[in-house]
Amino acid sequence: MRATPVLSVIRYLLLDRITYLVLPWGWAAFGFLIDVVVLRLTPAGHTDHRWVGGLGAVFLVMLTVGIQSVARALPFALTLGVSRRSYFLGVVALALALAVCFGLVVALGQIAERATGGWGMDMAYFRVPYVLDGPWYQSWLTATTAFALLFVYGMWYGLVFRRAGLPGTTVFGAAQLAVLALAAVVATWVHGWKDIGHLFTTLTATGLTACLAAVLAVMLAGGFATMRRLTI
């Protein structure tokens, strides 16, 4: 049975298994070991959960993997006759598949973490306060959405770099910072920081996942629009 163009793109990308399958969790394992050492060398304190930030490395790696999925792998794929649409759909399909699998690892890690009393030292590695600290299925959904969002965000940056080079990428990033700065000015002007803080402190994991999914949809649309007239 002949593989579809999208499946062919996924197979092409997974030729680099180190980047897509090994690198994220290699960093996770390294961060876990560092966090264990740090907690062993510091007082336990009076909290039931000693939260550490090593898991954040996996999310950052997903961002960089998304960037390289087009910045490095796209040109050769187009020379092989792969259409831009097929390549985009293939990358997105791979991003979603990886996000689902990695999100499941986070959820299973939480189960093991709770069962072992935080690995015997009250460590909260897979449990992030207010974000990834609910039922395993809820954490799975939230982590999956966050992984996919960062991958697609990185892919969009890679596409902008391929289309507009470093100057265009700089403008792209600066424009986003300008929007955030403008939003901060407006929030300050209308004295809305208290309401914003209240929103984030009362936002449930389901609400957070919905927000992330909405942002993901916007990024997918932006990435596809950037991809359409891309020249290599």
C-alpha atoms as a PDB file:
ATOM      1  CA  MET A   1       0.000   0.000   0.000  1.00  0.00           C
ATOM      2  CA  ARG A   2       1.411   3.330  -1.072  1.00  0.00           C
ATOM      3  CA  ALA A   3       2.006   5.845   1.708  1.00  0.00           C
ATOM      4  CA  THR A   4       0.121   9.127   1.581  1.00  0.00           C
ATOM      5  CA  PRO A   5       2.145  12.360   1.152  1.00  0.00           C
ATOM      6  CA  VAL A   6       1.483  13.314   4.769  1.00  0.00           C
ATOM      7  CA  LEU A   7       2.719   9.943   6.046  1.00  0.00           C
ATOM      8  CA  SER A   8       5.775  10.237   3.809  1.00  0.00           C
ATOM      9  CA  VAL A   9       6.586  13.607   5.406  1.00  0.00           C
ATOM     10  CA  ILE A  10       6.294  12.088   8.873  1.00  0.00           C
ATOM     11  CA  ARG A  11       8.626   9.251   7.888  1.00  0.00           C
ATOM     12  CA  TYR A  12      11.055  11.742   6.414  1.00  0.00           C
ATOM     13  CA  LEU A  13      11.128  13.799   9.592  1.00  0.00           C
ATOM     14  CA  LEU A  14      11.516  10.728  11.809  1.00  0.00           C
ATOM     15  CA  LEU A  15      14.708   9.797  10.016  1.00  0.00           C
ATOM     16  CA  ASP A  16      16.123  12.169  12.605  1.00  0.00           C
ATOM     17  CA  ARG A  17      14.834  10.171  15.576  1.00  0.00           C
ATOM     18  CA  ILE A  18      17.368  11.684  17.935  1.00  0.00           C
ATOM     19  CA  THR A  19      15.877  15.154  17.572  1.00  0.00           C
ATOM     20  CA  TYR A  20      12.216  14.207  17.720  1.00  0.00           C
ATOM     21  CA  LEU A  21      12.161  11.223  20.067  1.00  0.00           C
ATOM     22  CA  VAL A  22      15.312  11.204  22.177  1.00  0.00           C
ATOM     23  CA  LEU A  23      16.332  14.834  22.700  1.00  0.00           C
ATOM     24  CA  PRO A  24      13.222  16.036  24.611  1.00  0.00           C
ATOM     25  CA  TRP A  25      13.323  13.226  27.155  1.00  0.00           C
ATOM     26  CA  GLY A  26      17.084  13.228  27.327  1.00  0.00           C
ATOM     27  CA  TRP A  27      16.778  16.775  28.625  1.00  0.00           C
ATOM     28  CA  ALA A  28      13.939  15.665  30.913  1.00  0.00           C
ATOM     29  CA  ALA A  29      16.094  12.923  32.439  1.00  0.00           C
ATOM     30  CA  PHE A  30      19.003  15.326  32.859  1.00  0.00           C
ATOM     31  CA  GLY A  31      16.740  17.895  34.515  1.00  0.00           C
ATOM     32  CA  PHE A  32      15.280  15.218  36.780  1.00  0.00           C
ATOM     33  CA  LEU A  33      18.727  14.171  37.996  1.00  0.00           C
ATOM     34  CA  ILE A  34      19.743  17.791  38.600  1.00  0.00           C
ATOM     35  CA  ASP A  35      16.556  18.412  40.577  1.00  0.00           C
ATOM     36  CA  VAL A  36      17.131  15.287  42.685  1.00  0.00           C
ATOM     37  CA  VAL A  37      20.643  16.441  43.538  1.00  0.00           C
ATOM     38  CA  VAL A  38      19.440  19.959  44.400  1.00  0.00           C
ATOM     39  CA  LEU A  39      16.666  18.667  46.666  1.00  0.00           C
ATOM     40  CA  ARG A  40      19.048  16.270  48.391  1.00  0.00           C
ATOM     41  CA  LEU A  41      21.345  19.168  49.203  1.00  0.00           C
ATOM     42  CA  THR A  42      18.662  21.597  50.419  1.00  0.00           C
ATOM     43  CA  PRO A  43      16.427  21.516  53.512  1.00  0.00           C
ATOM     44  CA  ALA A  44      13.015  19.931  53.082  1.00  0.00           C
ATOM     45  CA  GLY A  45      11.098  22.855  54.603  1.00  0.00           C
ATOM     46  CA  HIS A  46       7.477  22.591  55.702  1.00  0.00           C
ATOM     47  CA  THR A  47       5.691  22.022  52.374  1.00  0.00           C
ATOM     48  CA  ASP A  48       4.195  18.766  51.152  1.00  0.00           C
ATOM     49  CA  HIS A  49       5.307  19.418  47.577  1.00  0.00           C
ATOM     50  CA  ARG A  50       8.779  20.599  46.672  1.00  0.00           C
ATOM     51  CA  TRP A  51       8.171  21.883  43.183  1.00  0.00           C
ATOM     52  CA  VAL A  52      11.075  21.916  40.719  1.00  0.00           C
ATOM     53  CA  GLY A  53      11.207  23.293  37.191  1.00  0.00           C
ATOM     54  CA  GLY A  54      13.118  20.599  35.313  1.00  0.00           C
ATOM     55  CA  LEU A  55      10.090  19.549  33.276  1.00  0.00           C
ATOM     56  CA  GLY A  56      10.108  22.959  31.609  1.00  0.00           C
ATOM     57  CA  ALA A  57      13.152  21.859  29.607  1.00  0.00           C
ATOM     58  CA  VAL A  58      10.993  19.394  27.665  1.00  0.00           C
ATOM     59  CA  PHE A  59       8.575  22.138  26.628  1.00  0.00           C
ATOM     60  CA  LEU A  60      11.436  24.409  25.543  1.00  0.00           C
ATOM     61  CA  VAL A  61      12.997  21.589  23.542  1.00  0.00           C
ATOM     62  CA  MET A  62       9.672  21.079  21.764  1.00  0.00           C
ATOM     63  CA  LEU A  63       9.805  24.737  20.759  1.00  0.00           C
ATOM     64  CA  THR A  64      13.282  24.327  19.241  1.00  0.00           C
ATOM     65  CA  VAL A  65      12.282  21.063  17.557  1.00  0.00           C
ATOM     66  CA  GLY A  66       9.376  22.881  15.939  1.00  0.00           C
ATOM     67  CA  ILE A  67      11.769  25.528  14.633  1.00  0.00           C
ATOM     68  CA  GLN A  68      14.152  23.027  13.082  1.00  0.00           C
ATOM     69  CA  SER A  69      11.301  21.012  11.533  1.00  0.00           C
ATOM     70  CA  VAL A  70      11.082  23.701   8.860  1.00  0.00           C
ATOM     71  CA  ALA A  71      14.275  25.731   9.230  1.00  0.00           C
ATOM     72  CA  ARG A  72      16.478  22.690   8.602  1.00  0.00           C
ATOM     73  CA  ALA A  73      14.332  19.905   7.163  1.00  0.00           C
ATOM     74  CA  LEU A  74      12.016  21.804   4.798  1.00  0.00           C
ATOM     75  CA  PRO A  75      14.364  22.752   1.913  1.00  0.00           C
ATOM     76  CA  PHE A  76      15.417  19.188   1.093  1.00  0.00           C
ATOM     77  CA  ALA A  77      11.823  17.963   1.329  1.00  0.00           C
ATOM     78  CA  LEU A  78      10.706  20.522  -1.266  1.00  0.00           C
ATOM     79  CA  THR A  79      13.522  19.511  -3.598  1.00  0.00           C
ATOM     80  CA  LEU A  80      12.125  15.961  -3.418  1.00  0.00           C
ATOM     81  CA  GLY A  81       8.835  17.220  -4.810  1.00  0.00           C
ATOM     82  CA  VAL A  82       6.812  17.393  -1.596  1.00  0.00           C
ATOM     83  CA  SER A  83       4.135  20.060  -1.803  1.00  0.00           C
ATOM     84  CA  ARG A  84       4.036  22.825   0.781  1.00  0.00           C
ATOM     85  CA  ARG A  85       0.578  21.800   1.895  1.00  0.00           C
ATOM     86  CA  SER A  86       1.599  18.162   2.392  1.00  0.00           C
ATOM     87  CA  TYR A  87       4.689  19.170   4.291  1.00  0.00           C
ATOM     88  CA  PHE A  88       2.749  21.490   6.567  1.00  0.00           C
ATOM     89  CA  LEU A  89       0.124  18.845   7.288  1.00  0.00           C
ATOM     90  CA  GLY A  90       2.828  16.247   7.889  1.00  0.00           C
ATOM     91  CA  VAL A  91       4.643  18.435  10.390  1.00  0.00           C
ATOM     92  CA  VAL A  92       1.398  19.270  12.190  1.00  0.00           C
ATOM     93  CA  ALA A  93       0.423  15.579  12.304  1.00  0.00           C
ATOM     94  CA  LEU A  94       3.810  14.685  13.769  1.00  0.00           C
ATOM     95  CA  ALA A  95       3.526  17.537  16.282  1.00  0.00           C
ATOM     96  CA  LEU A  96       0.129  16.287  17.461  1.00  0.00           C
ATOM     97  CA  ALA A  97       1.322  12.676  17.688  1.00  0.00           C
ATOM     98  CA  LEU A  98       4.392  13.657  19.701  1.00  0.00           C
ATOM     99  CA  ALA A  99       2.315  15.937  21.912  1.00  0.00           C
ATOM    100  CA  VAL A 100      -0.149  13.148  22.700  1.00  0.00           C
ATOM    101  CA  CYS A 101       2.645  10.698  23.541  1.00  0.00           C
ATOM    102  CA  PHE A 102       4.675  13.192  25.566  1.00  0.00           C
ATOM    103  CA  GLY A 103       1.542  14.365  27.368  1.00  0.00           C
ATOM    104  CA  LEU A 104       0.817  10.750  28.314  1.00  0.00           C
ATOM    105  CA  VAL A 105       4.337  10.412  29.714  1.00  0.00           C
ATOM    106  CA  VAL A 106       3.694  13.463  31.900  1.00  0.00           C
ATOM    107  CA  ALA A 107       0.390  12.005  33.112  1.00  0.00           C
ATOM    108  CA  LEU A 108       1.960   8.617  33.904  1.00  0.00           C
ATOM    109  CA  GLY A 109       4.851  10.395  35.596  1.00  0.00           C
ATOM    110  CA  GLN A 110       2.345  12.146  37.859  1.00  0.00           C
ATOM    111  CA  ILE A 111       0.782   8.826  38.830  1.00  0.00           C
ATOM    112  CA  ALA A 112       4.189   7.382  39.706  1.00  0.00           C
ATOM    113  CA  GLU A 113       5.141  10.566  41.520  1.00  0.00           C
ATOM    114  CA  ARG A 114       2.064  10.461  43.742  1.00  0.00           C
ATOM    115  CA  ALA A 115       2.462   6.735  44.400  1.00  0.00           C
ATOM    116  CA  THR A 116       6.070   7.155  45.565  1.00  0.00           C
ATOM    117  CA  GLY A 117       5.498  10.240  47.690  1.00  0.00           C
ATOM    118  CA  GLY A 118       7.271  12.501  45.244  1.00  0.00           C
ATOM    119  CA  TRP A 119      10.066   9.978  44.571  1.00  0.00           C
ATOM    120  CA  GLY A 120      10.615   9.659  48.290  1.00  0.00           C
ATOM    121  CA  MET A 121      11.440  13.328  48.803  1.00  0.00           C
ATOM    122  CA  ASP A 122       8.119  15.146  48.178  1.00  0.00           C
ATOM    123  CA  MET A 123       9.431  16.277  44.794  1.00  0.00           C
ATOM    124  CA  ALA A 124       6.855  17.632  42.368  1.00  0.00           C
ATOM    125  CA  TYR A 125       8.600  17.159  39.033  1.00  0.00           C
ATOM    126  CA  PHE A 126       5.658  16.192  36.826  1.00  0.00           C
ATOM    127  CA  ARG A 127       3.147  18.180  38.887  1.00  0.00           C
ATOM    128  CA  VAL A 128       3.134  21.906  38.166  1.00  0.00           C
ATOM    129  CA  PRO A 129       1.039  23.983  40.601  1.00  0.00           C
ATOM    130  CA  TYR A 130      -2.268  25.245  39.134  1.00  0.00           C
ATOM    131  CA  VAL A 131      -1.365  23.853  35.697  1.00  0.00           C
ATOM    132  CA  LEU A 132      -0.477  20.156  35.826  1.00  0.00           C
ATOM    133  CA  ASP A 133      -1.663  19.050  39.234  1.00  0.00           C
ATOM    134  CA  GLY A 134      -5.133  17.627  38.687  1.00  0.00           C
ATOM    135  CA  PRO A 135      -6.414  14.196  37.633  1.00  0.00           C
ATOM    136  CA  TRP A 136      -4.081  12.341  35.280  1.00  0.00           C
ATOM    137  CA  TYR A 137      -6.417  12.608  32.288  1.00  0.00           C
ATOM    138  CA  GLN A 138      -6.757  16.360  32.772  1.00  0.00           C
ATOM    139  CA  SER A 139      -2.990  16.763  33.008  1.00  0.00           C
ATOM    140  CA  TRP A 140      -2.629  14.625  29.886  1.00  0.00           C
ATOM    141  CA  LEU A 141      -4.937  16.923  27.917  1.00  0.00           C
ATOM    142  CA  THR A 142      -3.318  20.113  29.193  1.00  0.00           C
ATOM    143  CA  ALA A 143       0.241  18.875  28.618  1.00  0.00           C
ATOM    144  CA  THR A 144      -0.676  17.603  25.144  1.00  0.00           C
ATOM    145  CA  THR A 145      -2.127  20.966  24.158  1.00  0.00           C
ATOM    146  CA  ALA A 146       0.883  22.844  25.555  1.00  0.00           C
ATOM    147  CA  PHE A 147       3.367  20.565  23.755  1.00  0.00           C
ATOM    148  CA  ALA A 148       1.517  20.966  20.452  1.00  0.00           C
ATOM    149  CA  LEU A 149       1.272  24.732  20.875  1.00  0.00           C
ATOM    150  CA  LEU A 150       5.009  25.167  21.484  1.00  0.00           C
ATOM    151  CA  PHE A 151       5.914  22.909  18.574  1.00  0.00           C
ATOM    152  CA  VAL A 152       3.634  24.808  16.200  1.00  0.00           C
ATOM    153  CA  TYR A 153       4.854  28.144  17.554  1.00  0.00           C
ATOM    154  CA  GLY A 154       8.420  27.104  16.852  1.00  0.00           C
ATOM    155  CA  MET A 155       7.415  25.893  13.392  1.00  0.00           C
ATOM    156  CA  TRP A 156       5.858  29.274  12.648  1.00  0.00           C
ATOM    157  CA  TYR A 157       9.097  31.002  13.629  1.00  0.00           C
ATOM    158  CA  GLY A 158      10.998  28.638  11.352  1.00  0.00           C
ATOM    159  CA  LEU A 159       8.676  29.426   8.463  1.00  0.00           C
ATOM    160  CA  VAL A 160       9.092  33.164   9.003  1.00  0.00           C
ATOM    161  CA  PHE A 161      12.862  32.704   9.022  1.00  0.00           C
ATOM    162  CA  ARG A 162      12.712  30.709   5.783  1.00  0.00           C
ATOM    163  CA  ARG A 163      10.536  33.332   4.126  1.00  0.00           C
ATOM    164  CA  ALA A 164      11.963  36.612   5.467  1.00  0.00           C
ATOM    165  CA  GLY A 165      15.375  35.737   6.879  1.00  0.00           C
ATOM    166  CA  LEU A 166      16.800  37.093  10.111  1.00  0.00           C
ATOM    167  CA  PRO A 167      15.452  40.671   9.616  1.00  0.00           C
ATOM    168  CA  GLY A 168      11.918  39.394   9.092  1.00  0.00           C
ATOM    169  CA  THR A 169      12.176  37.045  12.069  1.00  0.00           C
ATOM    170  CA  THR A 170      13.386  39.918  14.222  1.00  0.00           C
ATOM    171  CA  VAL A 171      10.445  42.069  13.142  1.00  0.00           C
ATOM    172  CA  PHE A 172       8.094  39.140  13.734  1.00  0.00           C
ATOM    173  CA  GLY A 173       9.321  38.714  17.293  1.00  0.00           C
ATOM    174  CA  ALA A 174       9.419  42.452  17.956  1.00  0.00           C
ATOM    175  CA  ALA A 175       5.819  42.820  16.778  1.00  0.00           C
ATOM    176  CA  GLN A 176       4.678  40.232  19.313  1.00  0.00           C
ATOM    177  CA  LEU A 177       6.592  41.963  22.086  1.00  0.00           C
ATOM    178  CA  ALA A 178       5.041  45.271  21.048  1.00  0.00           C
ATOM    179  CA  VAL A 179       1.549  43.772  21.294  1.00  0.00           C
ATOM    180  CA  LEU A 180       2.314  42.433  24.776  1.00  0.00           C
ATOM    181  CA  ALA A 181       3.746  45.790  25.827  1.00  0.00           C
ATOM    182  CA  LEU A 182       0.661  47.597  24.512  1.00  0.00           C
ATOM    183  CA  ALA A 183      -1.592  45.184  26.389  1.00  0.00           C
ATOM    184  CA  ALA A 184       0.390  45.840  29.573  1.00  0.00           C
ATOM    185  CA  VAL A 185       0.024  49.604  29.099  1.00  0.00           C
ATOM    186  CA  VAL A 186      -3.727  49.283  28.566  1.00  0.00           C
ATOM    187  CA  ALA A 187      -4.061  47.024  31.629  1.00  0.00           C
ATOM    188  CA  THR A 188      -2.169  49.580  33.705  1.00  0.00           C
ATOM    189  CA  TRP A 189      -4.202  52.481  32.308  1.00  0.00           C
ATOM    190  CA  VAL A 190      -7.546  50.878  33.169  1.00  0.00           C
ATOM    191  CA  HIS A 191      -6.233  49.455  36.477  1.00  0.00           C
ATOM    192  CA  GLY A 192      -6.954  45.941  35.299  1.00  0.00           C
ATOM    193  CA  TRP A 193      -4.028  44.019  36.774  1.00  0.00           C
ATOM    194  CA  LYS A 194      -6.064  42.927  39.774  1.00  0.00           C
ATOM    195  CA  ASP A 195      -8.751  41.472  37.535  1.00  0.00           C
ATOM    196  CA  ILE A 196      -6.128  39.756  35.375  1.00  0.00           C
ATOM    197  CA  GLY A 197      -4.522  38.236  38.446  1.00  0.00           C
ATOM    198  CA  HIS A 198      -7.909  37.056  39.677  1.00  0.00           C
ATOM    199  CA  LEU A 199      -8.601  35.475  36.277  1.00  0.00           C
ATOM    200  CA  PHE A 200      -5.378  33.478  36.301  1.00  0.00           C
ATOM    201  CA  THR A 201      -5.777  32.361  39.911  1.00  0.00           C
ATOM    202  CA  THR A 202      -9.324  31.135  39.316  1.00  0.00           C
ATOM    203  CA  LEU A 203      -8.731  29.639  35.866  1.00  0.00           C
ATOM    204  CA  THR A 204      -9.283  25.892  35.931  1.00  0.00           C
ATOM    205  CA  ALA A 205      -7.146  23.398  34.052  1.00  0.00           C
ATOM    206  CA  THR A 206     -10.027  22.911  31.619  1.00  0.00           C
ATOM    207  CA  GLY A 207     -10.206  26.648  30.993  1.00  0.00           C
ATOM    208  CA  LEU A 208      -6.451  26.833  30.548  1.00  0.00           C
ATOM    209  CA  THR A 209      -6.548  23.998  28.037  1.00  0.00           C
ATOM    210  CA  ALA A 210      -9.302  25.758  26.103  1.00  0.00           C
ATOM    211  CA  CYS A 211      -7.248  28.971  25.995  1.00  0.00           C
ATOM    212  CA  LEU A 212      -4.177  27.084  24.802  1.00  0.00           C
ATOM    213  CA  ALA A 213      -6.248  25.325  22.138  1.00  0.00           C
ATOM    214  CA  ALA A 214      -7.563  28.670  20.869  1.00  0.00           C
ATOM    215  CA  VAL A 215      -4.038  30.060  20.631  1.00  0.00           C
ATOM    216  CA  LEU A 216      -2.935  26.864  18.883  1.00  0.00           C
ATOM    217  CA  ALA A 217      -5.644  27.316  16.255  1.00  0.00           C
ATOM    218  CA  VAL A 218      -4.463  30.883  15.587  1.00  0.00           C
ATOM    219  CA  MET A 219      -0.866  29.728  15.226  1.00  0.00           C
ATOM    220  CA  LEU A 220      -1.845  26.938  12.846  1.00  0.00           C
ATOM    221  CA  ALA A 221      -3.669  29.452  10.649  1.00  0.00           C
ATOM    222  CA  GLY A 222      -0.708  31.842  10.759  1.00  0.00           C
ATOM    223  CA  GLY A 223       1.776  29.094   9.981  1.00  0.00           C
ATOM    224  CA  PHE A 224      -0.251  27.837   7.027  1.00  0.00           C
ATOM    225  CA  ALA A 225      -0.594  31.357   5.633  1.00  0.00           C
ATOM    226  CA  THR A 226       3.183  31.855   5.932  1.00  0.00           C
ATOM    227  CA  MET A 227       3.832  28.491   4.259  1.00  0.00           C
ATOM    228  CA  ARG A 228       1.701  29.109   1.181  1.00  0.00           C
ATOM    229  CA  ARG A 229       4.042  31.434  -0.697  1.00  0.00           C
ATOM    230  CA  LEU A 230       7.282  30.267   0.811  1.00  0.00           C
ATOM    231  CA  THR A 231      10.208  30.121  -1.607  1.00  0.00           C
ATOM    232  CA  ILE A 232      13.387  28.159  -1.009  1.00  0.00           C
END
